[in-house]
Amino acid sequence: MKTAPAPTPDMIAAVLRHRLAEHERQESQARLTWARTTLLPVIKALAPGVLQRVLVFGSSGSGSAAAHSDIDVLITAEAVDGWDQYERLQWGARVRAATDRRYAVDILLYAPAEIRDRDGARARFLDRVLREGVTLLP
């Protein structure tokens, strides 16, 4: 009876990469499901006026979330025009406090004009978020 050849380091590495990618996909899907079913209703309930857009970005949006990954959310709402950073952080804290806190959540809150009038490093960052983020709303 022939025995199977011992796996090479490259074979082992390929299996581990595949398992890691599958785990990250599952972690990301769990976060997106939670964002749709738990986080989005809270965001809508506490919304400062009419919401134009809600996106999940970063590792949770790209499918590469690990067990320790947070959920990055970009929200645009006209009513936040003129809000300072402290007001935006306070609102984000209220949203997080109203969830079951299963996952850490980072919220970026922008007025639509701030998205339109972006420049420099912020423009490159927001361009990537808008291009690669997963839309929860509209």
N, C-alpha and C. Protein backbone atom coordinates (compact mmCIF):
# COMPACT_ATOMS: atom_id res chain seq x y z
N MET A 1 0.83 -1.17 0.00
CA MET A 1 0.00 0.00 0.00
C MET A 1 0.88 1.25 0.00
N LYS A 2 0.60 2.16 -0.91
CA LYS A 2 1.37 3.39 -1.02
C LYS A 2 0.86 4.40 0.00
N THR A 3 1.77 5.16 0.54
CA THR A 3 1.37 6.25 1.44
C THR A 3 1.44 7.56 0.68
N ALA A 4 0.63 8.46 1.10
CA ALA A 4 0.63 9.77 0.46
C ALA A 4 1.92 10.50 0.82
N PRO A 5 2.42 11.29 -0.11
CA PRO A 5 3.65 12.03 0.20
C PRO A 5 3.37 13.06 1.30
N ALA A 6 4.38 13.34 2.06
CA ALA A 6 4.25 14.35 3.12
C ALA A 6 3.97 15.71 2.49
N PRO A 7 3.11 16.50 3.11
CA PRO A 7 2.83 17.82 2.55
C PRO A 7 4.08 18.71 2.62
N THR A 8 4.25 19.49 1.61
CA THR A 8 5.38 20.42 1.57
C THR A 8 5.00 21.68 2.35
N PRO A 9 5.97 22.48 2.75
CA PRO A 9 5.65 23.75 3.41
C PRO A 9 4.75 24.64 2.56
N ASP A 10 4.95 24.63 1.25
CA ASP A 10 4.09 25.44 0.37
C ASP A 10 2.65 24.94 0.39
N MET A 11 2.46 23.64 0.44
CA MET A 11 1.11 23.07 0.50
C MET A 11 0.44 23.45 1.81
N ILE A 12 1.18 23.34 2.89
CA ILE A 12 0.63 23.70 4.21
C ILE A 12 0.27 25.18 4.24
N ALA A 13 1.15 26.02 3.72
CA ALA A 13 0.88 27.46 3.69
C ALA A 13 -0.37 27.77 2.86
N ALA A 14 -0.54 27.09 1.74
CA ALA A 14 -1.72 27.32 0.90
C ALA A 14 -3.00 26.93 1.62
N VAL A 15 -2.99 25.82 2.33
CA VAL A 15 -4.17 25.39 3.10
C VAL A 15 -4.47 26.40 4.19
N LEU A 16 -3.44 26.86 4.88
CA LEU A 16 -3.66 27.84 5.96
C LEU A 16 -4.18 29.17 5.41
N ARG A 17 -3.65 29.61 4.26
CA ARG A 17 -4.17 30.84 3.64
C ARG A 17 -5.63 30.69 3.27
N HIS A 18 -5.98 29.55 2.73
CA HIS A 18 -7.37 29.29 2.35
C HIS A 18 -8.27 29.31 3.59
N ARG A 19 -7.85 28.66 4.65
CA ARG A 19 -8.65 28.64 5.88
C ARG A 19 -8.79 30.04 6.48
N LEU A 20 -7.71 30.81 6.46
CA LEU A 20 -7.76 32.17 6.97
C LEU A 20 -8.71 33.03 6.14
N ALA A 21 -8.63 32.91 4.83
CA ALA A 21 -9.52 33.69 3.96
C ALA A 21 -10.98 33.32 4.21
N GLU A 22 -11.27 32.05 4.40
CA GLU A 22 -12.64 31.62 4.68
C GLU A 22 -13.11 32.17 6.02
N HIS A 23 -12.24 32.13 7.01
CA HIS A 23 -12.58 32.67 8.34
C HIS A 23 -12.85 34.17 8.25
N GLU A 24 -12.01 34.90 7.53
CA GLU A 24 -12.21 36.34 7.37
C GLU A 24 -13.52 36.62 6.65
N ARG A 25 -13.84 35.84 5.63
CA ARG A 25 -15.11 36.03 4.91
C ARG A 25 -16.29 35.84 5.86
N GLN A 26 -16.23 34.81 6.69
CA GLN A 26 -17.31 34.54 7.64
C GLN A 26 -17.40 35.65 8.69
N GLU A 27 -16.26 36.11 9.19
CA GLU A 27 -16.25 37.21 10.17
C GLU A 27 -16.85 38.47 9.55
N SER A 28 -16.46 38.77 8.32
CA SER A 28 -16.98 39.95 7.64
C SER A 28 -18.48 39.85 7.41
N GLN A 29 -18.93 38.69 6.99
CA GLN A 29 -20.37 38.49 6.75
C GLN A 29 -21.16 38.64 8.04
N ALA A 30 -20.63 38.12 9.14
CA ALA A 30 -21.31 38.27 10.44
C ALA A 30 -21.41 39.74 10.82
N ARG A 31 -20.37 40.51 10.58
CA ARG A 31 -20.39 41.94 10.90
C ARG A 31 -21.37 42.70 10.00
N LEU A 32 -21.39 42.37 8.72
CA LEU A 32 -22.34 43.04 7.82
C LEU A 32 -23.78 42.72 8.19
N THR A 33 -24.04 41.47 8.55
CA THR A 33 -25.39 41.09 8.96
C THR A 33 -25.78 41.86 10.21
N TRP A 34 -24.88 41.95 11.18
CA TRP A 34 -25.16 42.69 12.42
C TRP A 34 -25.37 44.17 12.10
N ALA A 35 -24.56 44.72 11.21
CA ALA A 35 -24.70 46.13 10.85
C ALA A 35 -26.07 46.39 10.22
N ARG A 36 -26.53 45.48 9.37
CA ARG A 36 -27.84 45.65 8.71
C ARG A 36 -29.00 45.48 9.70
N THR A 37 -28.90 44.49 10.58
CA THR A 37 -30.05 44.13 11.42
C THR A 37 -30.07 44.84 12.77
N THR A 38 -28.94 45.24 13.27
CA THR A 38 -28.87 45.86 14.60
C THR A 38 -28.44 47.32 14.52
N LEU A 39 -27.34 47.59 13.85
CA LEU A 39 -26.79 48.94 13.83
C LEU A 39 -27.62 49.91 12.98
N LEU A 40 -27.98 49.51 11.77
CA LEU A 40 -28.72 50.41 10.88
C LEU A 40 -30.05 50.88 11.48
N PRO A 41 -30.85 50.02 12.10
CA PRO A 41 -32.08 50.52 12.72
C PRO A 41 -31.81 51.56 13.83
N VAL A 42 -30.73 51.40 14.57
CA VAL A 42 -30.38 52.38 15.60
C VAL A 42 -29.96 53.69 14.95
N ILE A 43 -29.15 53.60 13.90
CA ILE A 43 -28.72 54.80 13.18
C ILE A 43 -29.95 55.54 12.66
N LYS A 44 -30.89 54.83 12.07
CA LYS A 44 -32.10 55.47 11.55
C LYS A 44 -32.92 56.11 12.67
N ALA A 45 -33.04 55.42 13.79
CA ALA A 45 -33.84 55.94 14.91
C ALA A 45 -33.22 57.20 15.51
N LEU A 46 -31.91 57.27 15.55
CA LEU A 46 -31.23 58.42 16.15
C LEU A 46 -30.72 59.42 15.12
N ALA A 47 -31.12 59.22 13.87
CA ALA A 47 -30.57 60.02 12.77
C ALA A 47 -30.79 61.51 12.98
N PRO A 48 -29.71 62.27 12.71
CA PRO A 48 -29.85 63.73 12.73
C PRO A 48 -30.42 64.20 11.39
N GLY A 49 -31.73 64.14 11.26
CA GLY A 49 -32.35 64.50 10.00
C GLY A 49 -32.36 63.33 9.02
N VAL A 50 -32.44 63.66 7.75
CA VAL A 50 -32.52 62.65 6.70
C VAL A 50 -31.11 62.13 6.40
N LEU A 51 -30.98 60.81 6.38
CA LEU A 51 -29.71 60.18 6.04
C LEU A 51 -29.59 60.06 4.52
N GLN A 52 -28.46 60.46 3.98
CA GLN A 52 -28.24 60.30 2.54
C GLN A 52 -27.56 58.96 2.24
N ARG A 53 -26.64 58.54 3.14
CA ARG A 53 -25.85 57.37 2.84
C ARG A 53 -25.32 56.75 4.13
N VAL A 54 -25.28 55.41 4.14
CA VAL A 54 -24.62 54.67 5.22
C VAL A 54 -23.81 53.56 4.54
N LEU A 55 -22.51 53.57 4.78
CA LEU A 55 -21.60 52.58 4.18
C LEU A 55 -20.78 51.89 5.26
N VAL A 56 -20.52 50.61 5.08
CA VAL A 56 -19.54 49.90 5.90
C VAL A 56 -18.29 49.77 5.05
N PHE A 57 -17.15 50.14 5.63
CA PHE A 57 -15.90 50.06 4.89
C PHE A 57 -14.83 49.41 5.77
N GLY A 58 -13.62 49.39 5.28
CA GLY A 58 -12.54 48.76 6.03
C GLY A 58 -12.63 47.25 5.92
N SER A 59 -12.05 46.56 6.89
CA SER A 59 -11.98 45.10 6.81
C SER A 59 -13.36 44.45 6.82
N SER A 60 -14.31 45.03 7.53
CA SER A 60 -15.66 44.44 7.54
C SER A 60 -16.35 44.59 6.20
N GLY A 61 -16.05 45.65 5.49
CA GLY A 61 -16.64 45.85 4.17
C GLY A 61 -15.91 45.12 3.06
N SER A 62 -14.62 44.88 3.26
CA SER A 62 -13.83 44.27 2.19
C SER A 62 -13.77 42.75 2.28
N GLY A 63 -14.31 42.18 3.35
CA GLY A 63 -14.29 40.73 3.49
C GLY A 63 -13.06 40.19 4.17
N SER A 64 -12.27 41.06 4.82
CA SER A 64 -11.04 40.61 5.46
C SER A 64 -11.05 40.80 6.97
N ALA A 65 -12.23 40.85 7.58
CA ALA A 65 -12.33 41.07 9.02
C ALA A 65 -11.81 39.86 9.79
N ALA A 66 -11.12 40.14 10.88
CA ALA A 66 -10.67 39.11 11.81
C ALA A 66 -11.53 39.19 13.07
N ALA A 67 -11.31 38.29 13.98
CA ALA A 67 -12.13 38.23 15.19
C ALA A 67 -12.08 39.54 15.98
N HIS A 68 -10.98 40.26 15.91
CA HIS A 68 -10.82 41.50 16.68
C HIS A 68 -11.20 42.76 15.88
N SER A 69 -11.61 42.61 14.64
CA SER A 69 -11.88 43.76 13.78
C SER A 69 -13.11 44.53 14.24
N ASP A 70 -13.05 45.84 14.05
CA ASP A 70 -14.21 46.67 14.32
C ASP A 70 -15.02 46.84 13.04
N ILE A 71 -16.09 47.59 13.14
CA ILE A 71 -16.92 47.91 11.98
C ILE A 71 -16.79 49.41 11.74
N ASP A 72 -16.29 49.77 10.57
CA ASP A 72 -16.12 51.18 10.20
C ASP A 72 -17.33 51.59 9.37
N VAL A 73 -17.96 52.71 9.77
CA VAL A 73 -19.18 53.16 9.12
C VAL A 73 -19.04 54.62 8.71
N LEU A 74 -19.41 54.92 7.49
CA LEU A 74 -19.48 56.29 7.00
C LEU A 74 -20.95 56.64 6.83
N ILE A 75 -21.35 57.76 7.42
CA ILE A 75 -22.73 58.22 7.34
C ILE A 75 -22.72 59.65 6.81
N THR A 76 -23.60 59.94 5.86
CA THR A 76 -23.78 61.32 5.42
C THR A 76 -25.20 61.75 5.72
N ALA A 77 -25.30 62.95 6.29
CA ALA A 77 -26.60 63.54 6.64
C ALA A 77 -26.47 65.05 6.57
N GLU A 78 -27.39 65.68 5.88
CA GLU A 78 -27.37 67.13 5.71
C GLU A 78 -27.39 67.87 7.05
N ALA A 79 -28.10 67.34 8.02
CA ALA A 79 -28.29 68.02 9.30
C ALA A 79 -27.00 68.20 10.10
N VAL A 80 -25.94 67.48 9.78
CA VAL A 80 -24.71 67.61 10.55
C VAL A 80 -23.81 68.72 10.02
N ASP A 81 -24.23 69.39 8.96
CA ASP A 81 -23.48 70.52 8.46
C ASP A 81 -23.38 71.56 9.58
N GLY A 82 -22.18 71.93 9.93
CA GLY A 82 -21.99 72.88 11.02
C GLY A 82 -21.70 72.24 12.37
N TRP A 83 -21.89 70.94 12.47
CA TRP A 83 -21.56 70.27 13.73
C TRP A 83 -20.04 70.23 13.88
N ASP A 84 -19.57 70.42 15.11
CA ASP A 84 -18.14 70.27 15.34
C ASP A 84 -17.82 68.80 15.62
N GLN A 85 -16.54 68.51 15.74
CA GLN A 85 -16.11 67.12 15.93
C GLN A 85 -16.68 66.53 17.21
N TYR A 86 -16.77 67.33 18.27
CA TYR A 86 -17.31 66.83 19.54
C TYR A 86 -18.77 66.39 19.38
N GLU A 87 -19.58 67.18 18.70
CA GLU A 87 -20.98 66.81 18.48
C GLU A 87 -21.10 65.51 17.68
N ARG A 88 -20.24 65.35 16.70
CA ARG A 88 -20.26 64.14 15.88
C ARG A 88 -19.85 62.92 16.71
N LEU A 89 -18.82 63.09 17.53
CA LEU A 89 -18.39 61.98 18.40
C LEU A 89 -19.46 61.63 19.42
N GLN A 90 -20.13 62.62 19.97
CA GLN A 90 -21.22 62.37 20.92
C GLN A 90 -22.34 61.57 20.27
N TRP A 91 -22.72 61.94 19.07
CA TRP A 91 -23.79 61.23 18.37
C TRP A 91 -23.37 59.79 18.13
N GLY A 92 -22.14 59.58 17.67
CA GLY A 92 -21.64 58.23 17.46
C GLY A 92 -21.66 57.41 18.75
N ALA A 93 -21.32 58.04 19.86
CA ALA A 93 -21.34 57.34 21.15
C ALA A 93 -22.77 56.95 21.53
N ARG A 94 -23.74 57.80 21.23
CA ARG A 94 -25.14 57.45 21.52
C ARG A 94 -25.59 56.26 20.67
N VAL A 95 -25.17 56.23 19.42
CA VAL A 95 -25.51 55.10 18.55
C VAL A 95 -24.91 53.82 19.11
N ARG A 96 -23.62 53.86 19.42
CA ARG A 96 -22.97 52.65 19.96
C ARG A 96 -23.63 52.19 21.26
N ALA A 97 -23.99 53.12 22.12
CA ALA A 97 -24.60 52.77 23.41
C ALA A 97 -25.98 52.13 23.23
N ALA A 98 -26.65 52.43 22.12
CA ALA A 98 -27.99 51.89 21.89
C ALA A 98 -27.97 50.52 21.22
N THR A 99 -26.80 50.00 20.90
CA THR A 99 -26.71 48.66 20.30
C THR A 99 -26.38 47.65 21.38
N ASP A 100 -26.31 46.39 20.97
CA ASP A 100 -25.94 45.34 21.93
C ASP A 100 -24.43 45.26 22.14
N ARG A 101 -23.68 46.11 21.46
CA ARG A 101 -22.22 46.22 21.58
C ARG A 101 -21.46 44.93 21.28
N ARG A 102 -22.02 44.12 20.44
CA ARG A 102 -21.35 42.88 20.04
C ARG A 102 -20.02 43.18 19.36
N TYR A 103 -19.99 44.27 18.58
CA TYR A 103 -18.79 44.64 17.86
C TYR A 103 -18.44 46.09 18.17
N ALA A 104 -17.16 46.40 18.11
CA ALA A 104 -16.72 47.79 18.20
C ALA A 104 -17.10 48.47 16.89
N VAL A 105 -17.55 49.71 16.99
CA VAL A 105 -18.00 50.45 15.81
C VAL A 105 -17.33 51.82 15.79
N ASP A 106 -16.73 52.17 14.67
CA ASP A 106 -16.20 53.51 14.45
C ASP A 106 -17.09 54.20 13.43
N ILE A 107 -17.60 55.37 13.80
CA ILE A 107 -18.55 56.08 12.93
C ILE A 107 -17.93 57.39 12.47
N LEU A 108 -17.92 57.58 11.15
CA LEU A 108 -17.54 58.86 10.56
C LEU A 108 -18.81 59.51 10.04
N LEU A 109 -19.08 60.71 10.50
CA LEU A 109 -20.31 61.41 10.18
C LEU A 109 -19.96 62.68 9.40
N TYR A 110 -20.46 62.76 8.17
CA TYR A 110 -20.16 63.89 7.29
C TYR A 110 -21.45 64.49 6.75
N ALA A 111 -21.38 65.78 6.48
CA ALA A 111 -22.42 66.44 5.69
C ALA A 111 -22.12 66.17 4.22
N PRO A 112 -23.14 66.09 3.37
CA PRO A 112 -22.89 65.84 1.94
C PRO A 112 -21.91 66.84 1.32
N ALA A 113 -21.96 68.11 1.74
CA ALA A 113 -21.04 69.11 1.19
C ALA A 113 -19.60 68.78 1.53
N GLU A 114 -19.36 68.20 2.68
CA GLU A 114 -18.00 67.82 3.06
C GLU A 114 -17.48 66.68 2.18
N ILE A 115 -18.38 65.81 1.76
CA ILE A 115 -17.99 64.73 0.85
C ILE A 115 -17.70 65.32 -0.53
N ARG A 116 -18.56 66.22 -0.99
CA ARG A 116 -18.38 66.84 -2.31
C ARG A 116 -17.12 67.69 -2.38
N ASP A 117 -16.83 68.43 -1.32
CA ASP A 117 -15.75 69.42 -1.33
C ASP A 117 -14.44 68.89 -0.75
N ARG A 118 -14.26 67.59 -0.77
CA ARG A 118 -13.07 66.99 -0.17
C ARG A 118 -11.82 67.33 -0.98
N ASP A 119 -10.69 67.33 -0.27
CA ASP A 119 -9.41 67.56 -0.93
C ASP A 119 -8.28 66.88 -0.17
N GLY A 120 -7.13 66.76 -0.81
CA GLY A 120 -5.94 66.22 -0.18
C GLY A 120 -6.09 64.79 0.29
N ALA A 121 -5.48 64.51 1.45
CA ALA A 121 -5.48 63.15 2.01
C ALA A 121 -6.91 62.69 2.32
N ARG A 122 -7.74 63.60 2.81
CA ARG A 122 -9.13 63.23 3.10
C ARG A 122 -9.86 62.82 1.83
N ALA A 123 -9.55 63.48 0.73
CA ALA A 123 -10.19 63.14 -0.55
C ALA A 123 -9.80 61.73 -0.97
N ARG A 124 -8.53 61.39 -0.86
CA ARG A 124 -8.10 60.05 -1.25
C ARG A 124 -8.74 58.99 -0.36
N PHE A 125 -8.81 59.27 0.93
CA PHE A 125 -9.45 58.33 1.85
C PHE A 125 -10.93 58.17 1.52
N LEU A 126 -11.65 59.27 1.38
CA LEU A 126 -13.08 59.19 1.10
C LEU A 126 -13.37 58.59 -0.27
N ASP A 127 -12.54 58.88 -1.25
CA ASP A 127 -12.72 58.26 -2.57
C ASP A 127 -12.66 56.74 -2.45
N ARG A 128 -11.71 56.25 -1.68
CA ARG A 128 -11.58 54.80 -1.50
C ARG A 128 -12.78 54.23 -0.75
N VAL A 129 -13.21 54.91 0.31
CA VAL A 129 -14.36 54.44 1.08
C VAL A 129 -15.61 54.40 0.19
N LEU A 130 -15.84 55.44 -0.58
CA LEU A 130 -17.02 55.49 -1.44
C LEU A 130 -16.96 54.44 -2.54
N ARG A 131 -15.77 54.14 -3.01
CA ARG A 131 -15.59 53.16 -4.08
C ARG A 131 -15.72 51.73 -3.56
N GLU A 132 -15.15 51.46 -2.37
CA GLU A 132 -15.05 50.08 -1.88
C GLU A 132 -16.05 49.73 -0.78
N GLY A 133 -16.72 50.72 -0.21
CA GLY A 133 -17.62 50.45 0.90
C GLY A 133 -18.87 49.68 0.48
N VAL A 134 -19.45 48.99 1.45
CA VAL A 134 -20.69 48.24 1.24
C VAL A 134 -21.85 49.13 1.66
N THR A 135 -22.78 49.38 0.75
CA THR A 135 -23.89 50.28 1.01
C THR A 135 -24.97 49.62 1.87
N LEU A 136 -25.30 50.24 2.99
CA LEU A 136 -26.43 49.82 3.81
C LEU A 136 -27.65 50.68 3.55
N LEU A 137 -27.41 51.93 3.15
CA LEU A 137 -28.48 52.86 2.86
C LEU A 137 -27.94 53.84 1.85
N PRO A 138 -28.58 54.23 0.78
CA PRO A 138 -29.98 53.99 0.52
C PRO A 138 -30.24 52.60 -0.01
